[in-house]
């Protein structure tokens, strides 16, 4: 199983920095190659849409590939850092900016990385970590759950985060709280977020123009704007210790 450098780095911010909670001071690699990290407040799961092939990974000074682990593998934060540092930051060979997770002769997982000059091979002892990583799938919202989609560019988020950090002063170790207020149709406020109106169209009950929305009851012909669309700008409120910041951002249109 090939795990790219960027995949590991993408979930690192969610790892706890409390090494006494050793089972969260780590990432978990799933059998499908996705990588998960959580500090019990935020959870990130990175999924590689274009995985590299194991046959392309260098052989010789790294652990030989003997198949993928049979179950999830927990990798300690210190080992994650060590493996990332073993990968070259710049190289014309993409596979070198990845690690290979495999098993040894005893079924123990092993992770390897190399820059073709120096190799990093680390056996992963799972005995003390077995069944300790939380069952994050129990709190992950279902994909079919009604929701509003909010897309902001990284540059916009970066600017908002910098403002939030400033609200607590330069000596603070963390920033303020950020609240996004998403404008939607008033009749849906307090009920449930939707991405589109739901109509029950039946020739026995209504015409196509006056069928009511299943959520708000408003007739279909009264909805003049695109159904469920985010209306204009998105309000932002940033709360720090003493300072309050308010503003607006524009959503990204997919």
Protein backbone atom coordinates (compact mmCIF):
# COMPACT_ATOMS: atom_id res chain seq x y z
CA UNK A 1 0.00 0.00 0.00
CA UNK A 2 1.43 3.36 -1.05
CA UNK A 3 0.79 6.40 1.17
CA UNK A 4 1.76 9.75 -0.29
CA UNK A 5 3.56 12.44 1.71
CA UNK A 6 0.69 14.88 1.06
CA UNK A 7 -1.83 12.37 2.41
CA UNK A 8 -0.02 12.18 5.74
CA UNK A 9 0.50 15.94 5.92
CA UNK A 10 -3.17 16.60 5.16
CA UNK A 11 -4.33 14.91 8.38
CA UNK A 12 -1.48 15.94 10.69
CA UNK A 13 -3.27 19.08 11.92
CA UNK A 14 -5.98 16.89 13.47
CA UNK A 15 -3.57 14.81 15.57
CA UNK A 16 -3.55 15.62 19.26
CA UNK A 17 -0.32 17.10 20.64
CA UNK A 18 -0.94 15.33 23.95
CA UNK A 19 1.37 12.35 23.86
CA UNK A 20 -0.31 10.84 26.95
CA UNK A 21 -3.26 10.07 24.70
CA UNK A 22 -0.95 7.91 22.62
CA UNK A 23 -3.73 6.27 20.60
CA UNK A 24 -4.74 9.74 19.29
CA UNK A 25 -1.16 11.02 19.02
CA UNK A 26 -1.13 9.09 15.77
CA UNK A 27 -2.84 8.47 12.44
CA UNK A 28 -4.80 5.42 11.42
CA UNK A 29 -4.35 3.94 7.94
CA UNK A 30 -7.43 2.11 6.73
CA UNK A 31 -7.42 -0.95 4.49
CA UNK A 32 -8.56 1.19 1.54
CA UNK A 33 -5.48 3.43 1.88
CA UNK A 34 -7.27 6.39 3.46
CA UNK A 35 -5.60 8.04 6.46
CA UNK A 36 -7.48 9.34 9.52
CA UNK A 37 -6.45 11.55 12.44
CA UNK A 38 -8.45 13.08 15.28
CA UNK A 39 -7.86 14.89 18.56
CA UNK A 40 -11.49 14.15 19.62
CA UNK A 41 -12.55 17.68 18.59
CA UNK A 42 -11.67 17.66 14.91
CA UNK A 43 -11.35 14.67 12.60
CA UNK A 44 -9.72 14.60 9.17
CA UNK A 45 -9.72 11.72 6.71
CA UNK A 46 -7.59 11.93 3.56
CA UNK A 47 -8.48 9.78 0.56
CA UNK A 48 -6.06 9.46 -2.36
CA UNK A 49 -8.06 9.52 -5.60
CA UNK A 50 -5.00 8.55 -7.68
CA UNK A 51 -3.01 5.98 -5.66
CA UNK A 52 0.39 4.87 -6.85
CA UNK A 53 1.21 1.21 -7.52
CA UNK A 54 3.27 -0.88 -5.09
CA UNK A 55 5.26 -2.37 -7.97
CA UNK A 56 6.77 1.08 -8.64
CA UNK A 57 8.23 1.45 -5.14
CA UNK A 58 12.04 1.02 -4.98
CA UNK A 59 13.35 -2.34 -3.79
CA UNK A 60 16.59 -3.25 -2.11
CA UNK A 61 17.14 -1.19 1.04
CA UNK A 62 13.49 -1.09 2.15
CA UNK A 63 11.18 -3.76 3.53
CA UNK A 64 10.10 -6.12 0.72
CA UNK A 65 6.44 -5.83 -0.24
CA UNK A 66 4.49 -8.84 1.05
CA UNK A 67 0.94 -7.56 0.75
CA UNK A 68 -1.19 -5.02 2.55
CA UNK A 69 -2.02 -5.33 6.26
CA UNK A 70 -5.25 -7.19 6.94
CA UNK A 71 -6.73 -4.43 9.09
CA UNK A 72 -6.28 -0.77 10.05
CA UNK A 73 -2.79 0.27 11.16
CA UNK A 74 -2.04 2.98 13.73
CA UNK A 75 1.18 4.96 13.16
CA UNK A 76 2.56 7.06 16.01
CA UNK A 77 3.07 10.80 15.37
CA UNK A 78 6.84 10.52 15.85
CA UNK A 79 7.01 7.78 13.21
CA UNK A 80 4.85 9.83 10.85
CA UNK A 81 7.31 12.72 11.20
CA UNK A 82 10.26 10.38 10.68
CA UNK A 83 8.77 8.87 7.53
CA UNK A 84 7.88 12.27 6.07
CA UNK A 85 11.42 13.54 6.66
CA UNK A 86 12.81 10.47 4.85
CA UNK A 87 10.98 11.47 1.66
CA UNK A 88 12.70 14.02 -0.60
CA UNK A 89 10.84 17.35 -0.80
CA UNK A 90 11.74 17.74 -4.47
CA UNK A 91 12.24 14.87 -6.86
CA UNK A 92 11.35 14.02 -10.47
CA UNK A 93 10.31 10.56 -9.24
CA UNK A 94 6.80 10.82 -7.69
CA UNK A 95 6.96 7.44 -5.91
CA UNK A 96 9.82 8.72 -3.72
CA UNK A 97 7.41 11.24 -2.17
CA UNK A 98 5.47 8.36 -0.69
CA UNK A 99 5.88 5.57 1.82
CA UNK A 100 5.02 1.91 1.45
CA UNK A 101 3.03 0.07 4.10
CA UNK A 102 3.38 -3.69 4.03
CA UNK A 103 3.79 -6.66 6.38
CA UNK A 104 6.78 -8.75 7.42
CA UNK A 105 6.96 -12.50 7.64
CA UNK A 106 5.07 -12.50 10.95
CA UNK A 107 2.22 -10.34 9.68
CA UNK A 108 3.49 -7.27 11.55
CA UNK A 109 3.01 -4.02 9.59
CA UNK A 110 6.12 -2.21 8.39
CA UNK A 111 6.39 1.24 6.79
CA UNK A 112 9.26 2.27 4.52
CA UNK A 113 10.43 5.45 2.82
CA UNK A 114 13.59 6.27 0.87
CA UNK A 115 15.31 8.96 -1.18
CA UNK A 116 17.42 6.24 -2.90
CA UNK A 117 20.41 7.15 -0.71
CA UNK A 118 19.08 6.76 2.83
CA UNK A 119 16.18 4.52 3.75
CA UNK A 120 13.77 4.58 6.68
CA UNK A 121 12.23 1.23 7.65
CA UNK A 122 10.05 1.14 10.78
CA UNK A 123 8.19 -1.93 12.16
CA UNK A 124 4.84 -0.87 13.63
CA UNK A 125 4.00 -2.57 16.92
CA UNK A 126 0.21 -2.65 17.20
CA UNK A 127 -0.07 -4.70 20.40
CA UNK A 128 -0.52 -1.70 22.72
CA UNK A 129 -2.75 0.17 20.29
CA UNK A 130 -5.20 -2.52 19.25
CA UNK A 131 -8.82 -1.34 19.28
CA UNK A 132 -7.89 2.00 20.90
CA UNK A 133 -8.48 4.34 17.94
CA UNK A 134 -12.05 5.71 18.16
CA UNK A 135 -14.80 4.42 15.91
CA UNK A 136 -15.02 7.67 13.96
CA UNK A 137 -17.57 6.27 11.52
CA UNK A 138 -20.21 6.52 14.25
CA UNK A 139 -19.97 10.32 14.28
CA UNK A 140 -19.35 10.90 10.58
CA UNK A 141 -22.51 12.34 8.98
CA UNK A 142 -24.15 10.14 6.37
CA UNK A 143 -23.64 11.28 2.81
CA UNK A 144 -27.39 11.29 2.21
CA UNK A 145 -28.06 13.60 5.17
CA UNK A 146 -29.71 16.88 4.06
CA UNK A 147 -27.16 19.70 4.14
CA UNK A 148 -26.10 22.99 2.64
CA UNK A 149 -22.81 23.01 0.77
CA UNK A 150 -20.45 25.89 1.61
CA UNK A 151 -17.27 26.16 -0.45
CA UNK A 152 -14.59 28.74 0.41
CA UNK A 153 -11.17 29.07 -1.17
CA UNK A 154 -8.04 28.38 0.88
CA UNK A 155 -6.99 32.03 0.55
CA UNK A 156 -10.31 33.20 2.02
CA UNK A 157 -10.09 30.76 4.91
CA UNK A 158 -6.47 31.75 5.54
CA UNK A 159 -7.42 35.42 5.81
CA UNK A 160 -10.29 34.64 8.20
CA UNK A 161 -8.06 32.43 10.36
CA UNK A 162 -5.39 35.13 10.59
CA UNK A 163 -8.04 37.58 11.73
CA UNK A 164 -9.31 35.10 14.32
CA UNK A 165 -5.82 34.62 15.74
CA UNK A 166 -5.39 38.38 16.02
CA UNK A 167 -8.53 38.71 18.16
CA UNK A 168 -6.76 36.97 21.04
CA UNK A 169 -3.55 38.99 20.84
CA UNK A 170 -0.04 38.08 19.81
CA UNK A 171 0.69 36.16 23.02
CA UNK A 172 -2.24 33.79 22.65
CA UNK A 173 -1.46 30.24 21.63
CA UNK A 174 -4.75 29.91 19.77
CA UNK A 175 -7.15 32.16 17.90
CA UNK A 176 -10.76 33.08 18.38
CA UNK A 177 -13.99 31.42 17.35
CA UNK A 178 -15.20 31.70 13.75
CA UNK A 179 -18.91 31.57 12.94
CA UNK A 180 -20.28 31.46 9.38
CA UNK A 181 -23.88 32.59 8.92
CA UNK A 182 -25.20 31.12 5.69
CA UNK A 183 -28.13 33.04 4.19
CA UNK A 184 -30.93 30.85 2.93
CA UNK A 185 -34.67 31.20 2.54
CA UNK A 186 -36.35 32.44 5.76
CA UNK A 187 -39.08 29.80 5.67
CA UNK A 188 -36.46 27.06 6.07
CA UNK A 189 -34.65 28.65 9.04
CA UNK A 190 -35.01 26.59 12.19
CA UNK A 191 -36.29 23.53 10.33
CA UNK A 192 -33.49 21.73 8.49
CA UNK A 193 -30.89 22.74 5.92
CA UNK A 194 -31.72 21.78 2.36
CA UNK A 195 -30.03 22.04 -1.00
CA UNK A 196 -33.29 22.04 -2.93
CA UNK A 197 -37.02 22.19 -2.33
CA UNK A 198 -38.90 18.92 -2.29
CA UNK A 199 -42.25 18.83 -4.06
CA UNK A 200 -44.91 16.16 -4.16
CA UNK A 201 -46.23 16.45 -7.68
CA UNK A 202 -49.39 14.48 -8.23
CA UNK A 203 -52.16 15.23 -10.73
CA UNK A 204 -54.68 14.23 -8.05
CA UNK A 205 -53.58 16.91 -5.60
CA UNK A 206 -51.96 19.84 -7.40
CA UNK A 207 -50.69 21.19 -10.65
CA UNK A 208 -46.97 21.40 -11.37
CA UNK A 209 -47.04 25.14 -10.55
CA UNK A 210 -48.75 25.11 -7.15
CA UNK A 211 -47.36 21.93 -5.59
CA UNK A 212 -46.17 22.80 -2.06
CA UNK A 213 -42.63 22.32 -0.82
CA UNK A 214 -42.54 19.40 1.63
CA UNK A 215 -40.46 21.45 4.10
CA UNK A 216 -41.91 24.96 4.02
CA UNK A 217 -45.23 24.49 2.26
CA UNK A 218 -44.55 27.33 -0.14
CA UNK A 219 -45.96 26.73 -3.66
CA UNK A 220 -43.51 25.86 -6.36
CA UNK A 221 -44.38 28.89 -8.50
CA UNK A 222 -43.51 31.24 -5.60
CA UNK A 223 -39.84 30.21 -5.64
CA UNK A 224 -38.38 32.74 -8.03
CA UNK A 225 -34.69 32.14 -7.26
CA UNK A 226 -32.76 28.89 -7.83
CA UNK A 227 -33.93 26.40 -5.23
CA UNK A 228 -31.68 26.02 -2.19
CA UNK A 229 -29.00 28.39 -3.53
CA UNK A 230 -26.86 30.38 -1.11
CA UNK A 231 -28.04 33.97 -1.33
CA UNK A 232 -25.22 36.46 -1.96
CA UNK A 233 -22.51 36.96 0.62
CA UNK A 234 -21.88 34.85 3.72
CA UNK A 235 -21.67 36.68 7.04
CA UNK A 236 -18.64 35.99 9.25
CA UNK A 237 -18.39 36.67 12.98
CA UNK A 238 -15.05 36.24 14.77
CA UNK A 239 -15.00 36.21 18.57
CA UNK A 240 -11.82 36.61 20.58
CA UNK A 241 -11.08 37.56 24.19
CA UNK A 242 -11.76 41.29 23.80
CA UNK A 243 -12.03 41.97 20.10
CA UNK A 244 -14.96 41.19 17.83
CA UNK A 245 -14.66 41.10 14.05
CA UNK A 246 -17.54 40.99 11.58
CA UNK A 247 -17.43 40.75 7.81
CA UNK A 248 -18.67 38.95 4.72
CA UNK A 249 -17.14 36.51 2.22
CA UNK A 250 -18.29 35.34 -1.16
CA UNK A 251 -18.96 31.62 -1.72
CA UNK A 252 -17.10 29.72 -4.39
CA UNK A 253 -19.41 28.60 -7.17
CA UNK A 254 -18.68 25.05 -8.31
